[in-house]
Amino acid sequence: MITGFIPLPGRWLRWKMFCRATFTITGTKDGRSEPVNVYSHLLPGSFLLGPPQLQAVINYLVRSGRYDRIDGSGRVLSAAGQTTLEVTNSRVVL
């Protein structure tokens, strides 16, 4: 259990409580772009957002008609390390 709190060189803490995700995502509707805060569509207190959950939020936003498409990039820091991902034409690409 103690090793879960020891950071590996070049990585954040490995315990799942310390997992994080940061995204810069832009939604486009009728030719206008605006930033999208995906965390506003999650339960309060949620801070872990992996690729499948991000794709589910993006699908909801596009199907609801709020945006025509969503694009952007980000990274997920988790117990497994850092993963960079892209959102292209409303699809999450690892």
N, C-alpha and C. Protein backbone atom coordinates (compact mmCIF):
# COMPACT_ATOMS: atom_id res chain seq x y z
N MET A 1 0.82 -1.19 0.00
CA MET A 1 0.00 0.00 0.00
C MET A 1 0.86 1.26 0.00
N ILE A 2 1.97 1.22 0.69
CA ILE A 2 2.83 2.39 0.75
C ILE A 2 3.36 2.75 -0.63
N THR A 3 3.65 1.76 -1.46
CA THR A 3 4.19 2.07 -2.79
C THR A 3 3.19 2.81 -3.66
N GLY A 4 1.90 2.73 -3.33
CA GLY A 4 0.89 3.45 -4.10
C GLY A 4 1.01 4.96 -3.95
N PHE A 5 1.66 5.42 -2.88
CA PHE A 5 1.81 6.84 -2.65
C PHE A 5 3.15 7.38 -3.11
N ILE A 6 4.03 6.50 -3.53
CA ILE A 6 5.37 6.94 -3.95
C ILE A 6 5.35 7.21 -5.44
N PRO A 7 5.66 8.43 -5.87
CA PRO A 7 5.63 8.72 -7.30
C PRO A 7 6.83 8.11 -8.02
N LEU A 8 6.59 7.57 -9.18
CA LEU A 8 7.68 7.10 -10.02
C LEU A 8 8.31 8.31 -10.69
N PRO A 9 9.57 8.23 -11.05
CA PRO A 9 10.20 9.37 -11.74
C PRO A 9 9.42 9.75 -13.00
N GLY A 10 9.09 11.03 -13.12
CA GLY A 10 8.37 11.51 -14.30
C GLY A 10 6.89 11.26 -14.28
N ARG A 11 6.35 10.75 -13.18
CA ARG A 11 4.91 10.47 -13.10
C ARG A 11 4.32 11.10 -11.85
N TRP A 12 3.02 11.31 -11.89
CA TRP A 12 2.31 11.80 -10.72
C TRP A 12 2.06 10.63 -9.78
N LEU A 13 1.45 10.87 -8.66
CA LEU A 13 1.15 9.79 -7.73
C LEU A 13 0.35 8.70 -8.42
N ARG A 14 0.61 7.45 -8.02
CA ARG A 14 0.03 6.33 -8.73
C ARG A 14 -1.30 5.86 -8.16
N TRP A 15 -1.69 6.32 -7.00
CA TRP A 15 -2.95 5.88 -6.41
C TRP A 15 -4.10 6.43 -7.22
N LYS A 16 -5.16 5.65 -7.43
CA LYS A 16 -6.26 6.05 -8.30
C LYS A 16 -6.92 7.34 -7.86
N MET A 17 -6.88 7.66 -6.58
CA MET A 17 -7.49 8.89 -6.11
C MET A 17 -6.81 10.11 -6.74
N PHE A 18 -5.56 9.96 -7.15
CA PHE A 18 -4.81 11.08 -7.71
C PHE A 18 -4.84 11.12 -9.23
N CYS A 19 -5.69 10.30 -9.85
CA CYS A 19 -5.80 10.31 -11.31
C CYS A 19 -6.48 11.61 -11.75
N ARG A 20 -6.06 12.13 -12.88
CA ARG A 20 -6.62 13.39 -13.38
C ARG A 20 -6.73 13.36 -14.89
N ALA A 21 -7.55 14.25 -15.37
CA ALA A 21 -7.69 14.41 -16.82
C ALA A 21 -7.81 15.90 -17.11
N THR A 22 -7.13 16.35 -18.14
CA THR A 22 -7.25 17.74 -18.57
C THR A 22 -7.53 17.75 -20.06
N PHE A 23 -8.48 18.55 -20.47
CA PHE A 23 -8.85 18.60 -21.87
C PHE A 23 -9.04 20.04 -22.31
N THR A 24 -8.68 20.32 -23.53
CA THR A 24 -9.02 21.57 -24.19
C THR A 24 -9.88 21.18 -25.37
N ILE A 25 -11.19 21.33 -25.22
CA ILE A 25 -12.12 20.84 -26.22
C ILE A 25 -12.99 21.99 -26.69
N THR A 26 -13.22 22.04 -27.98
CA THR A 26 -14.03 23.09 -28.59
C THR A 26 -15.21 22.47 -29.31
N GLY A 27 -16.40 22.98 -29.04
CA GLY A 27 -17.59 22.52 -29.73
C GLY A 27 -17.98 23.53 -30.81
N THR A 28 -18.45 23.03 -31.93
CA THR A 28 -18.84 23.89 -33.04
C THR A 28 -20.32 23.68 -33.35
N LYS A 29 -21.07 24.78 -33.42
CA LYS A 29 -22.47 24.73 -33.77
C LYS A 29 -22.75 25.88 -34.73
N ASP A 30 -23.23 25.57 -35.91
CA ASP A 30 -23.55 26.58 -36.93
C ASP A 30 -22.36 27.49 -37.23
N GLY A 31 -21.16 26.92 -37.29
CA GLY A 31 -19.97 27.68 -37.64
C GLY A 31 -19.34 28.46 -36.49
N ARG A 32 -19.97 28.47 -35.32
CA ARG A 32 -19.41 29.16 -34.16
C ARG A 32 -18.77 28.16 -33.22
N SER A 33 -17.59 28.50 -32.69
CA SER A 33 -16.87 27.62 -31.78
C SER A 33 -16.90 28.19 -30.37
N GLU A 34 -16.94 27.30 -29.39
CA GLU A 34 -16.87 27.71 -28.00
C GLU A 34 -16.24 26.59 -27.18
N PRO A 35 -15.60 26.93 -26.06
CA PRO A 35 -15.01 25.89 -25.21
C PRO A 35 -16.10 25.02 -24.58
N VAL A 36 -15.77 23.75 -24.39
CA VAL A 36 -16.70 22.80 -23.79
C VAL A 36 -16.11 22.33 -22.47
N ASN A 37 -16.87 22.44 -21.39
CA ASN A 37 -16.47 21.93 -20.09
C ASN A 37 -17.18 20.59 -19.89
N VAL A 38 -16.49 19.49 -20.15
CA VAL A 38 -17.12 18.18 -20.05
C VAL A 38 -17.46 17.83 -18.61
N TYR A 39 -16.75 18.41 -17.64
CA TYR A 39 -17.01 18.10 -16.24
C TYR A 39 -18.36 18.65 -15.77
N SER A 40 -18.91 19.63 -16.46
CA SER A 40 -20.22 20.15 -16.07
C SER A 40 -21.34 19.15 -16.38
N HIS A 41 -21.03 18.08 -17.09
CA HIS A 41 -22.02 17.07 -17.44
C HIS A 41 -21.83 15.79 -16.63
N LEU A 42 -20.97 15.83 -15.60
CA LEU A 42 -20.73 14.68 -14.74
C LEU A 42 -21.33 14.94 -13.37
N LEU A 43 -21.39 13.91 -12.54
CA LEU A 43 -21.87 14.06 -11.18
C LEU A 43 -20.92 14.96 -10.39
N PRO A 44 -21.43 15.74 -9.46
CA PRO A 44 -20.55 16.59 -8.63
C PRO A 44 -19.51 15.73 -7.90
N GLY A 45 -18.30 16.20 -7.89
CA GLY A 45 -17.20 15.47 -7.25
C GLY A 45 -16.45 14.53 -8.16
N SER A 46 -16.92 14.34 -9.38
CA SER A 46 -16.22 13.47 -10.33
C SER A 46 -14.98 14.19 -10.84
N PHE A 47 -13.86 13.51 -10.79
CA PHE A 47 -12.63 14.11 -11.29
C PHE A 47 -11.88 13.18 -12.21
N LEU A 48 -12.29 11.95 -12.29
CA LEU A 48 -11.62 10.98 -13.16
C LEU A 48 -12.48 10.79 -14.40
N LEU A 49 -11.91 11.11 -15.54
CA LEU A 49 -12.65 10.99 -16.80
C LEU A 49 -11.73 10.33 -17.82
N GLY A 50 -11.93 9.05 -18.05
CA GLY A 50 -11.13 8.32 -19.01
C GLY A 50 -11.71 8.43 -20.41
N PRO A 51 -11.02 7.87 -21.39
CA PRO A 51 -11.50 7.94 -22.78
C PRO A 51 -12.92 7.44 -23.00
N PRO A 52 -13.35 6.29 -22.41
CA PRO A 52 -14.73 5.85 -22.65
C PRO A 52 -15.77 6.83 -22.08
N GLN A 53 -15.49 7.38 -20.91
CA GLN A 53 -16.41 8.34 -20.30
C GLN A 53 -16.44 9.64 -21.10
N LEU A 54 -15.28 10.08 -21.57
CA LEU A 54 -15.22 11.28 -22.40
C LEU A 54 -16.01 11.08 -23.68
N GLN A 55 -15.89 9.91 -24.30
CA GLN A 55 -16.64 9.63 -25.53
C GLN A 55 -18.14 9.64 -25.25
N ALA A 56 -18.57 9.12 -24.11
CA ALA A 56 -19.98 9.11 -23.76
C ALA A 56 -20.52 10.54 -23.61
N VAL A 57 -19.76 11.43 -22.98
CA VAL A 57 -20.18 12.83 -22.83
C VAL A 57 -20.24 13.51 -24.20
N ILE A 58 -19.23 13.26 -25.04
CA ILE A 58 -19.21 13.86 -26.37
C ILE A 58 -20.41 13.37 -27.19
N ASN A 59 -20.70 12.07 -27.13
CA ASN A 59 -21.86 11.53 -27.84
C ASN A 59 -23.15 12.21 -27.38
N TYR A 60 -23.29 12.40 -26.08
CA TYR A 60 -24.48 13.07 -25.54
C TYR A 60 -24.59 14.49 -26.08
N LEU A 61 -23.49 15.24 -26.06
CA LEU A 61 -23.53 16.63 -26.51
C LEU A 61 -23.87 16.76 -27.99
N VAL A 62 -23.37 15.85 -28.81
CA VAL A 62 -23.65 15.89 -30.25
C VAL A 62 -25.08 15.43 -30.53
N ARG A 63 -25.51 14.33 -29.88
CA ARG A 63 -26.87 13.82 -30.12
C ARG A 63 -27.94 14.77 -29.61
N SER A 64 -27.63 15.52 -28.55
CA SER A 64 -28.62 16.45 -28.01
C SER A 64 -28.81 17.67 -28.91
N GLY A 65 -27.92 17.84 -29.89
CA GLY A 65 -28.02 18.96 -30.81
C GLY A 65 -27.31 20.21 -30.32
N ARG A 66 -26.65 20.11 -29.18
CA ARG A 66 -25.94 21.27 -28.64
C ARG A 66 -24.76 21.66 -29.53
N TYR A 67 -24.09 20.66 -30.11
CA TYR A 67 -22.95 20.92 -31.00
C TYR A 67 -23.06 20.04 -32.23
N ASP A 68 -22.54 20.54 -33.36
CA ASP A 68 -22.46 19.74 -34.58
C ASP A 68 -21.27 18.79 -34.52
N ARG A 69 -20.17 19.28 -33.95
CA ARG A 69 -18.95 18.46 -33.80
C ARG A 69 -18.13 19.01 -32.65
N ILE A 70 -17.27 18.16 -32.11
CA ILE A 70 -16.39 18.54 -31.01
C ILE A 70 -14.98 18.08 -31.36
N ASP A 71 -14.02 18.98 -31.18
CA ASP A 71 -12.62 18.68 -31.45
C ASP A 71 -11.77 19.17 -30.28
N GLY A 72 -10.58 18.60 -30.14
CA GLY A 72 -9.67 19.08 -29.10
C GLY A 72 -8.60 18.07 -28.77
N SER A 73 -7.91 18.31 -27.66
CA SER A 73 -6.85 17.42 -27.23
C SER A 73 -6.77 17.46 -25.72
N GLY A 74 -6.04 16.52 -25.15
CA GLY A 74 -5.89 16.47 -23.71
C GLY A 74 -5.00 15.34 -23.29
N ARG A 75 -4.94 15.15 -21.99
CA ARG A 75 -4.15 14.05 -21.45
C ARG A 75 -4.84 13.51 -20.22
N VAL A 76 -4.63 12.23 -19.97
CA VAL A 76 -5.18 11.56 -18.81
C VAL A 76 -4.01 11.02 -18.01
N LEU A 77 -3.95 11.40 -16.76
CA LEU A 77 -2.92 10.91 -15.84
C LEU A 77 -3.59 9.93 -14.90
N SER A 78 -3.12 8.70 -14.89
CA SER A 78 -3.75 7.67 -14.07
C SER A 78 -2.71 6.77 -13.46
N ALA A 79 -3.17 5.74 -12.78
CA ALA A 79 -2.26 4.77 -12.17
C ALA A 79 -1.40 4.09 -13.23
N ALA A 80 -1.87 4.04 -14.45
CA ALA A 80 -1.12 3.41 -15.54
C ALA A 80 -0.13 4.37 -16.20
N GLY A 81 -0.14 5.63 -15.81
CA GLY A 81 0.76 6.61 -16.40
C GLY A 81 -0.01 7.67 -17.18
N GLN A 82 0.68 8.38 -18.04
CA GLN A 82 0.09 9.48 -18.81
C GLN A 82 -0.29 9.01 -20.20
N THR A 83 -1.49 9.34 -20.62
CA THR A 83 -1.96 9.02 -21.96
C THR A 83 -2.41 10.31 -22.64
N THR A 84 -1.92 10.57 -23.82
CA THR A 84 -2.35 11.72 -24.61
C THR A 84 -3.47 11.27 -25.53
N LEU A 85 -4.50 12.10 -25.65
CA LEU A 85 -5.59 11.75 -26.55
C LEU A 85 -6.03 12.96 -27.34
N GLU A 86 -6.65 12.69 -28.46
CA GLU A 86 -7.18 13.72 -29.35
C GLU A 86 -8.67 13.46 -29.54
N VAL A 87 -9.43 14.51 -29.73
CA VAL A 87 -10.83 14.41 -30.10
C VAL A 87 -10.93 15.02 -31.48
N THR A 88 -11.23 14.18 -32.47
CA THR A 88 -11.32 14.60 -33.86
C THR A 88 -12.68 14.22 -34.41
N ASN A 89 -13.40 15.22 -34.90
CA ASN A 89 -14.73 14.99 -35.46
C ASN A 89 -15.61 14.20 -34.50
N SER A 90 -15.60 14.60 -33.22
CA SER A 90 -16.41 14.02 -32.16
C SER A 90 -16.05 12.59 -31.80
N ARG A 91 -14.84 12.16 -32.09
CA ARG A 91 -14.37 10.82 -31.74
C ARG A 91 -13.08 10.93 -30.95
N VAL A 92 -12.99 10.18 -29.85
CA VAL A 92 -11.78 10.16 -29.03
C VAL A 92 -10.77 9.23 -29.70
N VAL A 93 -9.56 9.73 -29.91
CA VAL A 93 -8.49 8.95 -30.54
C VAL A 93 -7.32 8.92 -29.58
N LEU A 94 -6.88 7.72 -29.21
CA LEU A 94 -5.73 7.59 -28.31
C LEU A 94 -4.43 7.66 -29.06
